[in-house]
Structure formats: C-alpha cells, structure tokens
Amino acid sequence: MKTVVQKFGGSSLANIEKIKEIAKKVCLRKSKGNRVVVVVSAMGKTTDGLIKLANSLSSNPREVEMDLLMSAGEQISAALVAIALTEIGCEATGLTGFQAGIHTSDRHTKAKIEDINIGYIEKGLLEDKVVVVAGFQGVAKDGTITTLGRGGLDTS
C-alpha cells in the first residue's frame, strides 16, 4: 500500500467550506487504497494575526512565546481537518508537530528539523486513519515548541 503525503497551505484552509473540500479530496485519495498523511498550515492569515496580537502587547516578545503562539494556528487547522474527515466517514487523527515526532534544534522561530520519530504517524496509519499533522512546528530537546520559520510548512 502506497503512502501519500498531501500538503495544504493557508489559502486552501481559509474557511470551513474549503476545509470540507480538502476533506473530500483527501478521503477520495484514501478510498483508492492509499495511506494518507496530510500536513496543514494555519487558516488564511491566522499567523499574521497572531504576530500582530503579540506585537500589540510587546515591542520585543520573546521568541519562545512567539513559537508557542504561532504554532496554535496549525494545531487548529489539524484538528478541524481531522474533524471534517471523520464527519464524512474517513477516520482521521490530528497531531501536533511534537506528537508527530518532529524534533528540532532549539533556535526559536527558525528551528531546523534534526530528527523525526514517525511512531505516532505509523500508529495512525496502521489503524487505517488519515494522519493530519500540524506543519511548521516541532519540539526542541528542552520540550519547548519551536517553529521552522516562514515557509516551514514546506519543510514539514
């Protein structure tokens, strides 16, 4: 059985109708006998909005908190896509970068992937689920959430 990885950026996830369309496409791919992993970005301009909120509170927010904040958008998308897939009969599980085993350097806001432990992804695939991963993020050795910088979804 072939494993297919599909990536969806922010404009593809801009609203609920688009998320439902993604779910249909992904479910169709799975129905053709593929194991499917989906990597998602934050919806629309979510990350820009989160950065704006942080900058309204501080002229120089710490990068560790910025990573925590900015990773939330992708986590929301992963949950919503998994919910949409399950709703149309395509069992799915959503994972954060940490849960997906993405281990990074400790350079906040510009981390590099150092290792990926695919155990949780494999577990979901073995359970015949679509695995939806929050892109753009991982976890440093100290357990803090990191982000991969702008364009990090593609790296995920």
C-alpha atoms as a PDB file:
ATOM      1  CA  MET A   1       0.000   0.000   0.000  1.00  0.00           C
ATOM      2  CA  LYS A   2       1.397   3.393  -1.036  1.00  0.00           C
ATOM      3  CA  THR A   3       1.702   6.256   1.461  1.00  0.00           C
ATOM      4  CA  VAL A   4       0.760   9.656   0.074  1.00  0.00           C
ATOM      5  CA  VAL A   5       1.648  12.935   1.780  1.00  0.00           C
ATOM      6  CA  GLN A   6      -0.548  15.903   0.899  1.00  0.00           C
ATOM      7  CA  LYS A   7       0.220  19.480   1.963  1.00  0.00           C
ATOM      8  CA  PHE A   8      -2.348  22.250   2.275  1.00  0.00           C
ATOM      9  CA  GLY A   9      -1.353  25.865   2.821  1.00  0.00           C
ATOM     10  CA  GLY A  10      -3.255  28.712   4.410  1.00  0.00           C
ATOM     11  CA  SER A  11      -5.292  29.839   1.389  1.00  0.00           C
ATOM     12  CA  SER A  12      -6.527  26.245   0.917  1.00  0.00           C
ATOM     13  CA  LEU A  13      -7.764  26.312   4.530  1.00  0.00           C
ATOM     14  CA  ALA A  14      -9.157  29.852   4.545  1.00  0.00           C
ATOM     15  CA  ASN A  15     -12.684  28.886   5.638  1.00  0.00           C
ATOM     16  CA  ILE A  16     -14.891  25.965   6.630  1.00  0.00           C
ATOM     17  CA  GLU A  17     -16.130  25.335   3.076  1.00  0.00           C
ATOM     18  CA  LYS A  18     -12.551  24.990   1.840  1.00  0.00           C
ATOM     19  CA  ILE A  19     -11.738  22.635   4.712  1.00  0.00           C
ATOM     20  CA  LYS A  20     -14.718  20.475   3.717  1.00  0.00           C
ATOM     21  CA  GLU A  21     -13.436  20.394   0.117  1.00  0.00           C
ATOM     22  CA  ILE A  22      -9.995  19.324   1.326  1.00  0.00           C
ATOM     23  CA  ALA A  23     -11.601  16.561   3.381  1.00  0.00           C
ATOM     24  CA  LYS A  24     -13.429  15.265   0.292  1.00  0.00           C
ATOM     25  CA  LYS A  25     -10.230  15.244  -1.787  1.00  0.00           C
ATOM     26  CA  VAL A  26      -8.230  13.519   0.936  1.00  0.00           C
ATOM     27  CA  CYS A  27     -10.945  10.928   1.543  1.00  0.00           C
ATOM     28  CA  LEU A  28     -11.095  10.199  -2.198  1.00  0.00           C
ATOM     29  CA  ARG A  29      -7.327   9.627  -2.217  1.00  0.00           C
ATOM     30  CA  LYS A  30      -7.652   7.239   0.734  1.00  0.00           C
ATOM     31  CA  SER A  31     -10.550   5.386  -0.889  1.00  0.00           C
ATOM     32  CA  LYS A  32      -8.208   4.489  -3.758  1.00  0.00           C
ATOM     33  CA  GLY A  33      -6.183   2.322  -1.371  1.00  0.00           C
ATOM     34  CA  ASN A  34      -3.572   4.812  -0.217  1.00  0.00           C
ATOM     35  CA  ARG A  35      -2.328   5.503   3.277  1.00  0.00           C
ATOM     36  CA  VAL A  36      -2.603   9.278   3.648  1.00  0.00           C
ATOM     37  CA  VAL A  37      -0.705  11.817   5.734  1.00  0.00           C
ATOM     38  CA  VAL A  38      -1.848  15.431   5.483  1.00  0.00           C
ATOM     39  CA  VAL A  39       0.357  18.350   6.561  1.00  0.00           C
ATOM     40  CA  VAL A  40      -1.511  21.604   7.187  1.00  0.00           C
ATOM     41  CA  SER A  41      -0.745  25.262   7.652  1.00  0.00           C
ATOM     42  CA  ALA A  42      -2.753  27.756   9.678  1.00  0.00           C
ATOM     43  CA  MET A  43      -6.005  29.014   8.162  1.00  0.00           C
ATOM     44  CA  GLY A  44      -5.688  32.033   5.881  1.00  0.00           C
ATOM     45  CA  LYS A  45      -3.870  34.906   7.547  1.00  0.00           C
ATOM     46  CA  THR A  46      -4.002  33.401  11.062  1.00  0.00           C
ATOM     47  CA  THR A  47      -0.247  33.544  11.687  1.00  0.00           C
ATOM     48  CA  ASP A  48      -0.053  37.189  10.628  1.00  0.00           C
ATOM     49  CA  GLY A  49      -2.928  37.969  13.004  1.00  0.00           C
ATOM     50  CA  LEU A  50      -1.222  36.198  15.897  1.00  0.00           C
ATOM     51  CA  ILE A  51       2.022  38.092  15.283  1.00  0.00           C
ATOM     52  CA  LYS A  52       0.070  41.360  15.233  1.00  0.00           C
ATOM     53  CA  LEU A  53      -1.559  40.500  18.574  1.00  0.00           C
ATOM     54  CA  ALA A  54       1.809  39.750  20.172  1.00  0.00           C
ATOM     55  CA  ASN A  55       3.293  42.975  18.814  1.00  0.00           C
ATOM     56  CA  SER A  56       0.365  44.925  20.264  1.00  0.00           C
ATOM     57  CA  LEU A  57       1.452  43.708  23.694  1.00  0.00           C
ATOM     58  CA  SER A  58       5.219  43.982  23.339  1.00  0.00           C
ATOM     59  CA  SER A  59       7.676  45.639  21.010  1.00  0.00           C
ATOM     60  CA  ASN A  60      10.005  42.675  21.509  1.00  0.00           C
ATOM     61  CA  PRO A  61       8.186  39.476  22.526  1.00  0.00           C
ATOM     62  CA  ARG A  62      10.429  36.557  23.444  1.00  0.00           C
ATOM     63  CA  GLU A  63      10.888  34.043  20.638  1.00  0.00           C
ATOM     64  CA  VAL A  64       9.940  31.091  22.872  1.00  0.00           C
ATOM     65  CA  GLU A  65       6.485  32.630  23.447  1.00  0.00           C
ATOM     66  CA  MET A  66       6.182  33.556  19.780  1.00  0.00           C
ATOM     67  CA  ASP A  67       6.725  29.914  18.846  1.00  0.00           C
ATOM     68  CA  LEU A  68       4.086  28.819  21.332  1.00  0.00           C
ATOM     69  CA  LEU A  69       1.667  31.392  19.945  1.00  0.00           C
ATOM     70  CA  MET A  70       2.350  30.877  16.232  1.00  0.00           C
ATOM     71  CA  SER A  71       2.115  27.082  16.454  1.00  0.00           C
ATOM     72  CA  ALA A  72      -1.513  27.381  17.574  1.00  0.00           C
ATOM     73  CA  GLY A  73      -2.768  28.195  14.070  1.00  0.00           C
ATOM     74  CA  GLU A  74      -1.518  24.925  12.584  1.00  0.00           C
ATOM     75  CA  GLN A  75      -2.885  22.958  15.526  1.00  0.00           C
ATOM     76  CA  ILE A  76      -6.339  24.459  14.943  1.00  0.00           C
ATOM     77  CA  SER A  77      -6.175  23.506  11.261  1.00  0.00           C
ATOM     78  CA  ALA A  78      -5.059  19.941  12.048  1.00  0.00           C
ATOM     79  CA  ALA A  79      -7.968  19.477  14.435  1.00  0.00           C
ATOM     80  CA  LEU A  80     -10.528  20.966  12.034  1.00  0.00           C
ATOM     81  CA  VAL A  81      -9.351  18.890   9.066  1.00  0.00           C
ATOM     82  CA  ALA A  82      -9.416  15.714  11.198  1.00  0.00           C
ATOM     83  CA  ILE A  83     -12.941  16.582  12.373  1.00  0.00           C
ATOM     84  CA  ALA A  84     -14.100  17.239   8.793  1.00  0.00           C
ATOM     85  CA  LEU A  85     -12.617  13.940   7.585  1.00  0.00           C
ATOM     86  CA  THR A  86     -14.209  11.911  10.375  1.00  0.00           C
ATOM     87  CA  GLU A  87     -17.557  13.618   9.742  1.00  0.00           C
ATOM     88  CA  ILE A  88     -17.629  12.310   6.158  1.00  0.00           C
ATOM     89  CA  GLY A  89     -16.704   8.781   7.234  1.00  0.00           C
ATOM     90  CA  CYS A  90     -12.959   8.948   6.742  1.00  0.00           C
ATOM     91  CA  GLU A  91     -11.404   8.203  10.132  1.00  0.00           C
ATOM     92  CA  ALA A  92      -8.630  10.646  10.964  1.00  0.00           C
ATOM     93  CA  THR A  93      -6.369  11.736  13.770  1.00  0.00           C
ATOM     94  CA  GLY A  94      -4.773  15.151  14.225  1.00  0.00           C
ATOM     95  CA  LEU A  95      -1.245  15.530  15.585  1.00  0.00           C
ATOM     96  CA  THR A  96       0.845  18.470  16.725  1.00  0.00           C
ATOM     97  CA  GLY A  97       4.423  18.613  15.481  1.00  0.00           C
ATOM     98  CA  PHE A  98       5.514  17.262  18.862  1.00  0.00           C
ATOM     99  CA  GLN A  99       3.089  14.333  18.663  1.00  0.00           C
ATOM    100  CA  ALA A 100       4.221  13.641  15.102  1.00  0.00           C
ATOM    101  CA  GLY A 101       7.762  13.223  16.457  1.00  0.00           C
ATOM    102  CA  ILE A 102       9.326  16.271  14.792  1.00  0.00           C
ATOM    103  CA  HIS A 103      12.449  17.046  16.838  1.00  0.00           C
ATOM    104  CA  THR A 104      14.217  20.308  16.096  1.00  0.00           C
ATOM    105  CA  SER A 105      17.122  22.478  17.061  1.00  0.00           C
ATOM    106  CA  ASP A 106      16.472  24.938  19.863  1.00  0.00           C
ATOM    107  CA  ARG A 107      16.591  28.049  17.672  1.00  0.00           C
ATOM    108  CA  HIS A 108      13.161  29.531  18.261  1.00  0.00           C
ATOM    109  CA  THR A 109      11.293  30.957  15.248  1.00  0.00           C
ATOM    110  CA  LYS A 110      13.925  29.477  12.876  1.00  0.00           C
ATOM    111  CA  ALA A 111      14.418  25.903  14.074  1.00  0.00           C
ATOM    112  CA  LYS A 112      15.790  23.147  11.868  1.00  0.00           C
ATOM    113  CA  ILE A 113      14.452  19.589  11.877  1.00  0.00           C
ATOM    114  CA  GLU A 114      17.047  17.263  13.392  1.00  0.00           C
ATOM    115  CA  ASP A 115      15.074  14.033  13.605  1.00  0.00           C
ATOM    116  CA  ILE A 116      11.599  12.630  13.037  1.00  0.00           C
ATOM    117  CA  ASN A 117      10.273   9.736  15.081  1.00  0.00           C
ATOM    118  CA  ILE A 118       7.369   8.524  12.966  1.00  0.00           C
ATOM    119  CA  GLY A 119       5.897   6.241  15.645  1.00  0.00           C
ATOM    120  CA  TYR A 120       2.637   8.161  16.133  1.00  0.00           C
ATOM    121  CA  ILE A 121       2.221   8.701  12.402  1.00  0.00           C
ATOM    122  CA  GLU A 122       2.745   4.974  11.763  1.00  0.00           C
ATOM    123  CA  LYS A 123       0.315   4.107  14.566  1.00  0.00           C
ATOM    124  CA  GLY A 124      -2.420   6.192  12.943  1.00  0.00           C
ATOM    125  CA  LEU A 125      -1.731   4.713   9.516  1.00  0.00           C
ATOM    126  CA  LEU A 126      -1.774   1.166  10.915  1.00  0.00           C
ATOM    127  CA  GLU A 127      -5.190   1.977  12.424  1.00  0.00           C
ATOM    128  CA  ASP A 128      -6.297   2.862   8.867  1.00  0.00           C
ATOM    129  CA  LYS A 129      -6.700   6.549   9.713  1.00  0.00           C
ATOM    130  CA  VAL A 130      -5.718   9.620   7.785  1.00  0.00           C
ATOM    131  CA  VAL A 131      -3.000  11.311   9.847  1.00  0.00           C
ATOM    132  CA  VAL A 132      -3.258  15.111   9.865  1.00  0.00           C
ATOM    133  CA  VAL A 133      -0.069  16.824  11.057  1.00  0.00           C
ATOM    134  CA  ALA A 134       0.257  20.443  12.127  1.00  0.00           C
ATOM    135  CA  GLY A 135       3.087  21.714   9.930  1.00  0.00           C
ATOM    136  CA  PHE A 136       5.631  24.471  10.622  1.00  0.00           C
ATOM    137  CA  GLN A 137       6.429  23.199  14.122  1.00  0.00           C
ATOM    138  CA  GLY A 138       8.349  20.744  16.216  1.00  0.00           C
ATOM    139  CA  VAL A 139       9.838  20.380  19.654  1.00  0.00           C
ATOM    140  CA  ALA A 140      13.296  21.207  20.981  1.00  0.00           C
ATOM    141  CA  LYS A 141      15.275  18.941  23.309  1.00  0.00           C
ATOM    142  CA  ASP A 142      14.110  21.001  26.295  1.00  0.00           C
ATOM    143  CA  GLY A 143      10.459  20.285  25.409  1.00  0.00           C
ATOM    144  CA  THR A 144       9.587  23.756  24.157  1.00  0.00           C
ATOM    145  CA  ILE A 145       7.610  24.189  20.959  1.00  0.00           C
ATOM    146  CA  THR A 146       9.623  25.510  18.054  1.00  0.00           C
ATOM    147  CA  THR A 147       8.650  26.810  14.642  1.00  0.00           C
ATOM    148  CA  LEU A 148      10.539  26.364  11.406  1.00  0.00           C
ATOM    149  CA  GLY A 149      10.274  29.963  10.225  1.00  0.00           C
ATOM    150  CA  ARG A 150       8.317  31.343   7.285  1.00  0.00           C
ATOM    151  CA  GLY A 151       7.933  28.679   4.639  1.00  0.00           C
ATOM    152  CA  GLY A 152       8.369  25.978   7.290  1.00  0.00           C
ATOM    153  CA  LEU A 153       5.243  24.158   6.155  1.00  0.00           C
ATOM    154  CA  ASP A 154       7.085  23.011   3.044  1.00  0.00           C
ATOM    155  CA  THR A 155       9.896  21.647   5.215  1.00  0.00           C
ATOM    156  CA  SER A 156       7.371  19.729   7.338  1.00  0.00           C
END
